[in-house]
N, C-alpha and C. Protein backbone atom coordinates (compact mmCIF):
# COMPACT_ATOMS: atom_id res chain seq x y z
N MET A 1 122.68 123.43 52.62
CA MET A 1 124.14 123.43 52.71
C MET A 1 124.59 123.38 54.17
N GLN A 2 123.93 124.17 55.01
CA GLN A 2 124.27 124.24 56.43
C GLN A 2 124.10 122.86 57.09
N LEU A 3 123.02 122.17 56.74
CA LEU A 3 122.75 120.86 57.31
C LEU A 3 123.79 119.83 56.86
N LYS A 4 124.20 119.88 55.59
CA LYS A 4 125.23 118.97 55.09
C LYS A 4 126.55 119.19 55.82
N LEU A 5 126.90 120.44 56.06
CA LEU A 5 128.14 120.76 56.77
C LEU A 5 128.09 120.22 58.20
N TYR A 6 126.92 120.34 58.84
CA TYR A 6 126.76 119.83 60.19
C TYR A 6 127.01 118.32 60.23
N PHE A 7 126.39 117.59 59.30
CA PHE A 7 126.55 116.13 59.28
C PHE A 7 127.97 115.72 58.92
N LEU A 8 128.61 116.45 58.05
CA LEU A 8 130.00 116.17 57.69
C LEU A 8 130.90 116.36 58.91
N THR A 9 130.69 117.46 59.63
CA THR A 9 131.48 117.72 60.84
C THR A 9 131.24 116.64 61.88
N ALA A 10 129.99 116.24 62.08
CA ALA A 10 129.67 115.19 63.04
C ALA A 10 130.32 113.87 62.64
N ALA A 11 130.29 113.55 61.37
CA ALA A 11 130.90 112.30 60.89
C ALA A 11 132.41 112.31 61.10
N LEU A 12 133.05 113.44 60.84
CA LEU A 12 134.49 113.54 61.05
C LEU A 12 134.84 113.40 62.53
N ASN A 13 134.04 114.00 63.40
CA ASN A 13 134.28 113.89 64.84
C ASN A 13 134.14 112.45 65.31
N LEU A 14 133.14 111.74 64.80
CA LEU A 14 132.97 110.34 65.17
C LEU A 14 134.12 109.49 64.66
N ALA A 15 134.57 109.74 63.46
CA ALA A 15 135.69 108.98 62.91
C ALA A 15 136.95 109.20 63.73
N ALA A 16 137.18 110.43 64.15
CA ALA A 16 138.37 110.73 64.95
C ALA A 16 138.29 110.05 66.31
N ALA A 17 137.10 110.04 66.90
CA ALA A 17 136.93 109.41 68.22
C ALA A 17 137.09 107.90 68.14
N ALA A 18 136.71 107.31 67.02
CA ALA A 18 136.77 105.85 66.89
C ALA A 18 138.11 105.35 66.39
N SER A 19 138.99 106.23 66.03
CA SER A 19 140.27 105.80 65.47
C SER A 19 141.12 105.11 66.53
N PRO A 20 142.12 104.32 66.12
CA PRO A 20 142.98 103.66 67.09
C PRO A 20 143.74 104.68 67.94
N LEU A 21 144.45 104.17 68.91
CA LEU A 21 145.15 105.03 69.85
C LEU A 21 145.99 106.08 69.14
N ARG A 22 145.82 107.31 69.58
CA ARG A 22 146.56 108.42 69.01
C ARG A 22 147.15 109.24 70.15
N PRO A 23 148.35 109.76 69.98
CA PRO A 23 148.89 110.63 71.02
C PRO A 23 148.07 111.89 71.15
N ARG A 24 147.85 112.33 72.40
CA ARG A 24 147.11 113.56 72.64
C ARG A 24 148.02 114.72 72.97
N GLN A 25 149.24 114.43 73.37
CA GLN A 25 150.12 115.49 73.82
C GLN A 25 151.52 115.24 73.29
N SER A 26 152.35 116.25 73.47
CA SER A 26 153.75 116.09 73.11
C SER A 26 154.47 115.32 74.21
N ASN A 27 155.77 115.23 74.12
CA ASN A 27 156.59 114.45 75.04
C ASN A 27 156.39 114.89 76.49
N LEU A 28 156.05 113.94 77.34
CA LEU A 28 155.85 114.20 78.77
C LEU A 28 157.08 113.84 79.60
N GLN A 29 158.15 113.43 78.93
CA GLN A 29 159.41 113.15 79.62
C GLN A 29 160.12 114.49 79.85
N ASP A 30 160.36 114.81 81.11
CA ASP A 30 160.95 116.10 81.46
C ASP A 30 162.47 116.12 81.37
N PHE A 31 163.11 114.95 81.37
CA PHE A 31 164.56 114.90 81.39
C PHE A 31 165.13 115.16 80.00
N LEU A 32 166.09 116.07 79.92
CA LEU A 32 166.66 116.46 78.64
C LEU A 32 168.10 116.01 78.43
N GLY A 33 168.73 115.40 79.45
CA GLY A 33 170.11 114.94 79.32
C GLY A 33 170.23 113.89 78.23
N ALA A 34 171.38 113.88 77.54
CA ALA A 34 171.54 112.94 76.43
C ALA A 34 173.01 112.64 76.19
N LEU A 35 173.62 111.82 77.05
CA LEU A 35 175.01 111.41 76.83
C LEU A 35 175.14 110.77 75.46
N GLY A 36 176.15 111.15 74.73
CA GLY A 36 176.37 110.58 73.41
C GLY A 36 175.24 110.85 72.44
N GLY A 37 174.41 111.85 72.74
CA GLY A 37 173.28 112.16 71.87
C GLY A 37 172.11 111.21 72.02
N ILE A 38 172.13 110.38 73.07
CA ILE A 38 171.06 109.41 73.29
C ILE A 38 170.06 109.99 74.28
N SER A 39 168.94 110.44 73.77
CA SER A 39 167.89 111.02 74.61
C SER A 39 167.01 109.93 75.19
N ALA A 40 166.36 110.26 76.30
CA ALA A 40 165.34 109.35 76.83
C ALA A 40 164.19 109.32 75.83
N PRO A 41 163.66 108.13 75.53
CA PRO A 41 162.54 108.06 74.59
C PRO A 41 161.36 108.91 75.08
N PRO A 42 160.59 109.43 74.16
CA PRO A 42 159.46 110.26 74.58
C PRO A 42 158.43 109.46 75.36
N VAL A 43 157.77 110.15 76.26
CA VAL A 43 156.62 109.61 76.98
C VAL A 43 155.40 110.32 76.41
N LEU A 44 154.46 109.53 75.90
CA LEU A 44 153.29 110.09 75.25
C LEU A 44 152.02 109.68 75.98
N SER A 45 151.02 110.52 75.87
CA SER A 45 149.70 110.23 76.43
C SER A 45 148.79 109.80 75.30
N PHE A 46 148.07 108.68 75.51
CA PHE A 46 147.17 108.14 74.49
C PHE A 46 145.75 108.13 75.01
N ASN A 47 144.80 107.96 74.11
CA ASN A 47 143.39 107.98 74.50
C ASN A 47 142.90 106.60 74.95
N ASP A 48 143.72 105.87 75.67
CA ASP A 48 143.34 104.59 76.25
C ASP A 48 143.17 104.81 77.75
N PRO A 49 141.94 104.79 78.26
CA PRO A 49 141.73 105.09 79.67
C PRO A 49 142.36 104.07 80.63
N LYS A 50 142.62 102.86 80.16
CA LYS A 50 143.20 101.83 81.04
C LYS A 50 144.72 101.94 81.14
N ARG A 51 145.38 102.31 80.05
CA ARG A 51 146.84 102.42 80.03
C ARG A 51 147.20 103.63 79.16
N PRO A 52 147.03 104.82 79.70
CA PRO A 52 147.12 106.03 78.87
C PRO A 52 148.52 106.54 78.54
N PHE A 53 149.56 105.93 79.10
CA PHE A 53 150.90 106.47 78.87
C PHE A 53 151.79 105.44 78.17
N ASP A 54 152.64 105.92 77.27
CA ASP A 54 153.51 105.06 76.48
C ASP A 54 154.95 105.56 76.55
N ALA A 55 155.87 104.61 76.70
CA ALA A 55 157.31 104.90 76.64
C ALA A 55 157.96 103.76 75.87
N GLY A 56 158.47 104.05 74.71
CA GLY A 56 159.16 103.04 73.92
C GLY A 56 158.30 101.87 73.51
N GLY A 57 157.02 102.09 73.30
CA GLY A 57 156.12 101.02 72.89
C GLY A 57 155.52 100.24 74.05
N ASN A 58 155.88 100.58 75.27
CA ASN A 58 155.32 99.96 76.46
C ASN A 58 154.28 100.90 77.04
N THR A 59 153.11 100.38 77.42
CA THR A 59 152.05 101.23 77.95
C THR A 59 151.96 101.08 79.47
N PHE A 60 151.50 102.16 80.11
CA PHE A 60 151.48 102.22 81.57
C PHE A 60 150.21 102.91 82.06
N VAL A 61 149.84 102.58 83.29
CA VAL A 61 148.70 103.21 83.95
C VAL A 61 149.10 104.60 84.45
N LEU A 62 150.29 104.70 85.01
CA LEU A 62 150.73 105.95 85.64
C LEU A 62 151.83 106.63 84.84
N LEU A 63 151.77 107.94 84.80
CA LEU A 63 152.79 108.74 84.11
C LEU A 63 154.17 108.48 84.70
N ASP A 64 154.26 108.38 86.01
CA ASP A 64 155.54 108.15 86.67
C ASP A 64 156.18 106.84 86.21
N GLU A 65 155.37 105.80 86.02
CA GLU A 65 155.89 104.52 85.54
C GLU A 65 156.45 104.65 84.12
N ALA A 66 155.75 105.38 83.28
CA ALA A 66 156.20 105.57 81.90
C ALA A 66 157.50 106.37 81.86
N ARG A 67 157.60 107.39 82.70
CA ARG A 67 158.84 108.17 82.74
C ARG A 67 160.00 107.30 83.23
N GLU A 68 159.74 106.45 84.22
CA GLU A 68 160.79 105.56 84.72
C GLU A 68 161.25 104.60 83.61
N ARG A 69 160.29 104.06 82.86
CA ARG A 69 160.66 103.15 81.77
C ARG A 69 161.48 103.89 80.71
N SER A 70 161.13 105.11 80.43
CA SER A 70 161.88 105.93 79.48
C SER A 70 163.33 106.08 79.95
N CYS A 71 163.51 106.31 81.25
CA CYS A 71 164.86 106.43 81.81
C CYS A 71 165.61 105.10 81.69
N ASP A 72 164.91 103.98 81.92
CA ASP A 72 165.53 102.65 81.78
C ASP A 72 165.99 102.41 80.35
N LEU A 73 165.14 102.76 79.40
CA LEU A 73 165.48 102.56 77.99
C LEU A 73 166.69 103.41 77.60
N GLN A 74 166.73 104.63 78.10
CA GLN A 74 167.88 105.49 77.83
C GLN A 74 169.15 104.88 78.42
N LEU A 75 169.07 104.38 79.65
CA LEU A 75 170.23 103.75 80.28
C LEU A 75 170.73 102.58 79.43
N ASN A 76 169.81 101.73 78.97
CA ASN A 76 170.22 100.58 78.17
C ASN A 76 170.94 100.99 76.90
N GLN A 77 170.41 101.97 76.20
CA GLN A 77 171.04 102.44 74.96
C GLN A 77 172.38 103.09 75.24
N CYS A 78 172.45 103.87 76.31
CA CYS A 78 173.69 104.55 76.69
C CYS A 78 174.77 103.53 77.05
N ALA A 79 174.40 102.55 77.89
CA ALA A 79 175.37 101.53 78.31
C ALA A 79 175.83 100.69 77.12
N ASP A 80 174.91 100.37 76.22
CA ASP A 80 175.30 99.62 75.01
C ASP A 80 176.34 100.40 74.21
N ARG A 81 176.12 101.70 74.05
CA ARG A 81 177.07 102.53 73.29
C ARG A 81 178.40 102.60 74.02
N ALA A 82 178.38 102.80 75.34
CA ALA A 82 179.62 102.89 76.12
C ALA A 82 180.40 101.57 76.03
N ASN A 83 179.71 100.45 76.13
CA ASN A 83 180.37 99.14 76.08
C ASN A 83 180.90 98.80 74.71
N SER A 84 180.19 99.19 73.67
CA SER A 84 180.59 98.79 72.32
C SER A 84 181.63 99.72 71.70
N SER A 85 181.89 100.84 72.35
CA SER A 85 182.80 101.83 71.75
C SER A 85 184.27 101.57 72.09
N GLY A 86 184.52 100.66 73.01
CA GLY A 86 185.90 100.42 73.41
C GLY A 86 186.55 101.64 74.05
N GLY A 87 185.74 102.44 74.70
CA GLY A 87 186.26 103.63 75.38
C GLY A 87 186.27 104.89 74.53
N SER A 88 185.91 104.78 73.27
CA SER A 88 185.97 105.95 72.39
C SER A 88 184.71 106.80 72.43
N ALA A 89 183.70 106.38 73.17
CA ALA A 89 182.44 107.13 73.22
C ALA A 89 182.58 108.44 73.99
N GLY A 90 183.58 108.51 74.85
CA GLY A 90 183.75 109.71 75.66
C GLY A 90 182.97 109.67 76.96
N PHE A 91 182.32 108.54 77.24
CA PHE A 91 181.60 108.36 78.51
C PHE A 91 181.59 106.88 78.84
N SER A 92 181.34 106.58 80.10
CA SER A 92 181.38 105.19 80.58
C SER A 92 179.99 104.75 81.03
N VAL A 93 179.87 103.46 81.33
CA VAL A 93 178.61 102.94 81.87
C VAL A 93 178.30 103.63 83.19
N GLN A 94 179.33 103.94 83.97
CA GLN A 94 179.12 104.66 85.22
C GLN A 94 178.47 106.02 84.94
N ASP A 95 178.90 106.70 83.89
CA ASP A 95 178.27 107.97 83.51
C ASP A 95 176.81 107.75 83.13
N CYS A 96 176.54 106.65 82.44
CA CYS A 96 175.16 106.33 82.06
C CYS A 96 174.31 106.07 83.29
N ASN A 97 174.88 105.37 84.28
CA ASN A 97 174.15 105.12 85.52
C ASN A 97 173.81 106.42 86.23
N GLN A 98 174.76 107.35 86.25
CA GLN A 98 174.49 108.65 86.88
C GLN A 98 173.41 109.41 86.11
N GLN A 99 173.45 109.29 84.79
CA GLN A 99 172.42 109.95 83.99
C GLN A 99 171.04 109.39 84.33
N LYS A 100 170.96 108.07 84.58
CA LYS A 100 169.67 107.49 84.96
C LYS A 100 169.19 108.06 86.29
N VAL A 101 170.10 108.21 87.24
CA VAL A 101 169.74 108.82 88.53
C VAL A 101 169.16 110.21 88.29
N ASP A 102 169.82 110.98 87.44
CA ASP A 102 169.35 112.33 87.12
C ASP A 102 168.00 112.29 86.41
N CYS A 103 167.84 111.33 85.51
CA CYS A 103 166.59 111.18 84.78
C CYS A 103 165.44 110.86 85.74
N LEU A 104 165.68 109.94 86.66
CA LEU A 104 164.64 109.59 87.63
C LEU A 104 164.30 110.77 88.53
N ALA A 105 165.30 111.56 88.88
CA ALA A 105 165.06 112.73 89.74
C ALA A 105 164.21 113.78 89.03
N ALA A 106 164.25 113.81 87.71
CA ALA A 106 163.47 114.80 86.95
C ALA A 106 161.98 114.50 86.99
N ARG A 107 161.61 113.31 87.45
CA ARG A 107 160.18 112.95 87.50
C ARG A 107 159.43 113.75 88.54
N PHE A 108 160.13 114.32 89.50
CA PHE A 108 159.44 114.98 90.62
C PHE A 108 159.57 116.47 90.56
């Protein structure tokens, strides 16, 4: 019985290691601002040694690059909402631009 359990555990570990890219950590994006409820997309770490970080489906070599892309994606969504609301969103594209500045500053 002990030997069967050992082989089962080893097989499960191999299957997990061979599986496609999986996130290893929770959100690595430090910025929490969210004008209009639009948060910066999460930045995740994956088990790909060449491009281990992901933001919005885009992969990156460096964490800083992924965080910057997350800020860019948030800006785009925020500006789209501000532009399409006809002023009823309660914030402007200028506010979205300032939020991006704040988002980028949170990287350090």
